[in-house]
Amino acid sequence: MKRISGGLVLVALILLSSQAVADVPKSIDRMFYSEPYYSVEAAIFERSQRHAIYAYIISNMTTPGFDPMKYLPADDQADLNAIVPDKKFIREVLVEFLMTRMSDNNRKDTALMTIWKNKKDSLQRIVTLGK
């Protein structure tokens, strides 16, 4: 009698149970994605958006009639207004402020991407059985 591998038996058992078949997408989803990683994914997306906003503002600073405060996120506007209460010199300080924010944003993005990569590496080891 031929020996059947454990993976094949597991697949057969899952297919035999209609309830198990309905639960497969949920269990697979839970294996690959979990609550903490949803927040990591959202944070990566937000960091990418902020970086694009900062780059857009810096690249258009010399455009006549461009209002950088219109594009700056609300929390950054509050921080900038706390640093420069007199709005007279805000355009002069804004580029340095945005460069600092971009650097900070880059460090946070790197940390988030490391977390995401560790999850990917763990899943890859599970799927390939460590090979």
C-alpha atoms as a PDB file:
ATOM      1  CA  MET A   1       0.000   0.000   0.000  1.00  0.00           C
ATOM      2  CA  LYS A   2       1.335   3.409  -0.943  1.00  0.00           C
ATOM      3  CA  ARG A   3       1.869   5.940   1.777  1.00  0.00           C
ATOM      4  CA  ILE A   4      -0.017   9.234   1.313  1.00  0.00           C
ATOM      5  CA  SER A   5       1.753  12.446   2.318  1.00  0.00           C
ATOM      6  CA  GLY A   6       0.365  14.483   5.223  1.00  0.00           C
ATOM      7  CA  GLY A   7      -0.343  17.488   2.993  1.00  0.00           C
ATOM      8  CA  LEU A   8      -2.449  15.414   0.613  1.00  0.00           C
ATOM      9  CA  VAL A   9      -4.480  13.972   3.492  1.00  0.00           C
ATOM     10  CA  LEU A  10      -5.057  17.478   4.855  1.00  0.00           C
ATOM     11  CA  VAL A  11      -6.293  18.700   1.472  1.00  0.00           C
ATOM     12  CA  ALA A  12      -8.625  15.697   1.183  1.00  0.00           C
ATOM     13  CA  LEU A  13     -10.062  16.315   4.654  1.00  0.00           C
ATOM     14  CA  ILE A  14     -10.648  19.969   3.881  1.00  0.00           C
ATOM     15  CA  LEU A  15     -12.412  19.141   0.618  1.00  0.00           C
ATOM     16  CA  LEU A  16     -14.660  16.567   2.306  1.00  0.00           C
ATOM     17  CA  SER A  17     -16.103  19.030   4.771  1.00  0.00           C
ATOM     18  CA  SER A  18     -18.330  21.694   3.221  1.00  0.00           C
ATOM     19  CA  GLN A  19     -17.983  23.857   6.327  1.00  0.00           C
ATOM     20  CA  ALA A  20     -14.207  23.587   6.133  1.00  0.00           C
ATOM     21  CA  VAL A  21     -14.309  24.656   2.489  1.00  0.00           C
ATOM     22  CA  ALA A  22     -16.206  27.794   3.493  1.00  0.00           C
ATOM     23  CA  ASP A  23     -13.635  28.517   6.214  1.00  0.00           C
ATOM     24  CA  VAL A  24     -10.542  28.042   4.000  1.00  0.00           C
ATOM     25  CA  PRO A  25     -10.402  31.623   2.667  1.00  0.00           C
ATOM     26  CA  LYS A  26     -10.757  33.005   6.190  1.00  0.00           C
ATOM     27  CA  SER A  27      -8.037  30.765   7.593  1.00  0.00           C
ATOM     28  CA  ILE A  28      -5.690  31.521   4.711  1.00  0.00           C
ATOM     29  CA  ASP A  29      -6.387  35.221   5.129  1.00  0.00           C
ATOM     30  CA  ARG A  30      -5.607  34.948   8.857  1.00  0.00           C
ATOM     31  CA  MET A  31      -2.369  33.128   8.061  1.00  0.00           C
ATOM     32  CA  PHE A  32      -1.100  35.750   5.655  1.00  0.00           C
ATOM     33  CA  TYR A  33      -2.647  38.855   7.196  1.00  0.00           C
ATOM     34  CA  SER A  34      -3.385  39.662  10.797  1.00  0.00           C
ATOM     35  CA  GLU A  35      -4.567  42.767  12.635  1.00  0.00           C
ATOM     36  CA  PRO A  36      -1.092  44.153  13.406  1.00  0.00           C
ATOM     37  CA  TYR A  37      -0.105  43.861   9.752  1.00  0.00           C
ATOM     38  CA  TYR A  38      -3.179  45.749   8.574  1.00  0.00           C
ATOM     39  CA  SER A  39      -1.977  48.706  10.635  1.00  0.00           C
ATOM     40  CA  VAL A  40       1.574  48.282   9.266  1.00  0.00           C
ATOM     41  CA  GLU A  41       0.192  48.269   5.728  1.00  0.00           C
ATOM     42  CA  ALA A  42      -1.881  51.396   6.410  1.00  0.00           C
ATOM     43  CA  ALA A  43       1.125  53.145   7.965  1.00  0.00           C
ATOM     44  CA  ILE A  44       3.305  52.306   4.939  1.00  0.00           C
ATOM     45  CA  PHE A  45       0.638  53.773   2.657  1.00  0.00           C
ATOM     46  CA  GLU A  46       0.363  56.913   4.795  1.00  0.00           C
ATOM     47  CA  ARG A  47       4.164  57.365   4.860  1.00  0.00           C
ATOM     48  CA  SER A  48       4.271  57.052   1.057  1.00  0.00           C
ATOM     49  CA  GLN A  49       1.552  59.684   0.694  1.00  0.00           C
ATOM     50  CA  ARG A  50       3.334  62.075   3.048  1.00  0.00           C
ATOM     51  CA  HIS A  51       6.604  61.631   1.199  1.00  0.00           C
ATOM     52  CA  ALA A  52       4.880  62.424  -2.103  1.00  0.00           C
ATOM     53  CA  ILE A  53       3.244  65.516  -0.582  1.00  0.00           C
ATOM     54  CA  TYR A  54       6.567  66.773   0.799  1.00  0.00           C
ATOM     55  CA  ALA A  55       8.320  66.207  -2.529  1.00  0.00           C
ATOM     56  CA  TYR A  56       5.499  67.961  -4.402  1.00  0.00           C
ATOM     57  CA  ILE A  57       5.660  70.998  -2.136  1.00  0.00           C
ATOM     58  CA  ILE A  58       9.448  71.273  -2.379  1.00  0.00           C
ATOM     59  CA  SER A  59       9.426  70.913  -6.168  1.00  0.00           C
ATOM     60  CA  ASN A  60       6.776  73.622  -6.585  1.00  0.00           C
ATOM     61  CA  MET A  61       8.025  76.161  -4.022  1.00  0.00           C
ATOM     62  CA  THR A  62       9.290  78.549  -6.704  1.00  0.00           C
ATOM     63  CA  THR A  63       6.114  78.360  -8.791  1.00  0.00           C
ATOM     64  CA  PRO A  64       4.389  81.746  -8.781  1.00  0.00           C
ATOM     65  CA  GLY A  65       1.123  81.678  -6.835  1.00  0.00           C
ATOM     66  CA  PHE A  66       1.784  78.264  -5.292  1.00  0.00           C
ATOM     67  CA  ASP A  67       0.368  77.958  -1.754  1.00  0.00           C
ATOM     68  CA  PRO A  68       2.337  75.199   0.025  1.00  0.00           C
ATOM     69  CA  MET A  69       0.194  75.370   3.165  1.00  0.00           C
ATOM     70  CA  LYS A  70      -2.776  74.191   1.106  1.00  0.00           C
ATOM     71  CA  TYR A  71      -1.080  70.797   0.603  1.00  0.00           C
ATOM     72  CA  LEU A  72       0.712  70.400   3.933  1.00  0.00           C
ATOM     73  CA  PRO A  73      -1.022  67.908   6.288  1.00  0.00           C
ATOM     74  CA  ALA A  74      -2.823  69.488   9.255  1.00  0.00           C
ATOM     75  CA  ASP A  75      -0.476  68.073  11.910  1.00  0.00           C
ATOM     76  CA  ASP A  76       2.542  69.390  10.030  1.00  0.00           C
ATOM     77  CA  GLN A  77       0.881  72.795   9.667  1.00  0.00           C
ATOM     78  CA  ALA A  78       0.353  72.934  13.420  1.00  0.00           C
ATOM     79  CA  ASP A  79       3.996  72.012  14.085  1.00  0.00           C
ATOM     80  CA  LEU A  80       5.249  74.555  11.563  1.00  0.00           C
ATOM     81  CA  ASN A  81       3.064  77.301  13.039  1.00  0.00           C
ATOM     82  CA  ALA A  82       4.446  76.463  16.494  1.00  0.00           C
ATOM     83  CA  ILE A  83       8.008  76.786  15.156  1.00  0.00           C
ATOM     84  CA  VAL A  84       7.373  79.967  13.157  1.00  0.00           C
ATOM     85  CA  PRO A  85       4.542  81.917  14.790  1.00  0.00           C
ATOM     86  CA  ASP A  86       5.277  84.915  12.549  1.00  0.00           C
ATOM     87  CA  LYS A  87       4.067  83.775   9.118  1.00  0.00           C
ATOM     88  CA  LYS A  88       6.278  86.346   7.428  1.00  0.00           C
ATOM     89  CA  PHE A  89       9.233  83.937   7.115  1.00  0.00           C
ATOM     90  CA  ILE A  90       7.300  80.697   6.782  1.00  0.00           C
ATOM     91  CA  ARG A  91       8.304  80.076   3.145  1.00  0.00           C
ATOM     92  CA  GLU A  92      11.989  80.419   4.058  1.00  0.00           C
ATOM     93  CA  VAL A  93      11.681  77.885   6.880  1.00  0.00           C
ATOM     94  CA  LEU A  94       9.338  75.526   5.042  1.00  0.00           C
ATOM     95  CA  VAL A  95      11.946  73.817   2.843  1.00  0.00           C
ATOM     96  CA  GLU A  96      14.173  72.997   5.826  1.00  0.00           C
ATOM     97  CA  PHE A  97      11.121  71.853   7.781  1.00  0.00           C
ATOM     98  CA  LEU A  98      10.018  69.567   4.936  1.00  0.00           C
ATOM     99  CA  MET A  99      13.514  68.120   4.491  1.00  0.00           C
ATOM    100  CA  THR A 100      13.551  67.260   8.197  1.00  0.00           C
ATOM    101  CA  ARG A 101      10.091  65.704   7.919  1.00  0.00           C
ATOM    102  CA  MET A 102      11.181  63.687   4.880  1.00  0.00           C
ATOM    103  CA  SER A 103      14.182  62.342   6.786  1.00  0.00           C
ATOM    104  CA  ASP A 104      12.010  61.388   9.753  1.00  0.00           C
ATOM    105  CA  ASN A 105       9.424  59.900   7.404  1.00  0.00           C
ATOM    106  CA  ASN A 106      12.132  57.832   5.706  1.00  0.00           C
ATOM    107  CA  ARG A 107      13.308  56.349   9.020  1.00  0.00           C
ATOM    108  CA  LYS A 108       9.750  55.383   9.971  1.00  0.00           C
ATOM    109  CA  ASP A 109       9.118  53.922   6.521  1.00  0.00           C
ATOM    110  CA  THR A 110      12.291  51.843   6.756  1.00  0.00           C
ATOM    111  CA  ALA A 111      11.183  50.437  10.112  1.00  0.00           C
ATOM    112  CA  LEU A 112       7.726  49.583   8.753  1.00  0.00           C
ATOM    113  CA  MET A 113       9.187  47.934   5.659  1.00  0.00           C
ATOM    114  CA  THR A 114      11.498  45.849   7.875  1.00  0.00           C
ATOM    115  CA  ILE A 115       8.484  44.604   9.843  1.00  0.00           C
ATOM    116  CA  TRP A 116       6.678  43.769   6.592  1.00  0.00           C
ATOM    117  CA  LYS A 117       9.766  42.001   5.189  1.00  0.00           C
ATOM    118  CA  ASN A 118      10.141  39.899   8.343  1.00  0.00           C
ATOM    119  CA  LYS A 119       6.535  38.744   7.940  1.00  0.00           C
ATOM    120  CA  LYS A 120       7.185  37.891   4.291  1.00  0.00           C
ATOM    121  CA  ASP A 121      10.340  35.964   5.182  1.00  0.00           C
ATOM    122  CA  SER A 122       8.487  34.017   7.890  1.00  0.00           C
ATOM    123  CA  LEU A 123       5.703  33.088   5.482  1.00  0.00           C
ATOM    124  CA  GLN A 124       8.227  32.090   2.842  1.00  0.00           C
ATOM    125  CA  ARG A 125       9.946  29.754   5.326  1.00  0.00           C
ATOM    126  CA  ILE A 126       6.569  28.247   6.256  1.00  0.00           C
ATOM    127  CA  VAL A 127       5.505  27.690   2.657  1.00  0.00           C
ATOM    128  CA  THR A 128       8.833  26.207   1.588  1.00  0.00           C
ATOM    129  CA  LEU A 129       9.185  24.199   4.827  1.00  0.00           C
ATOM    130  CA  GLY A 130      12.400  26.042   5.626  1.00  0.00           C
ATOM    131  CA  LYS A 131      14.117  25.074   2.372  1.00  0.00           C
END
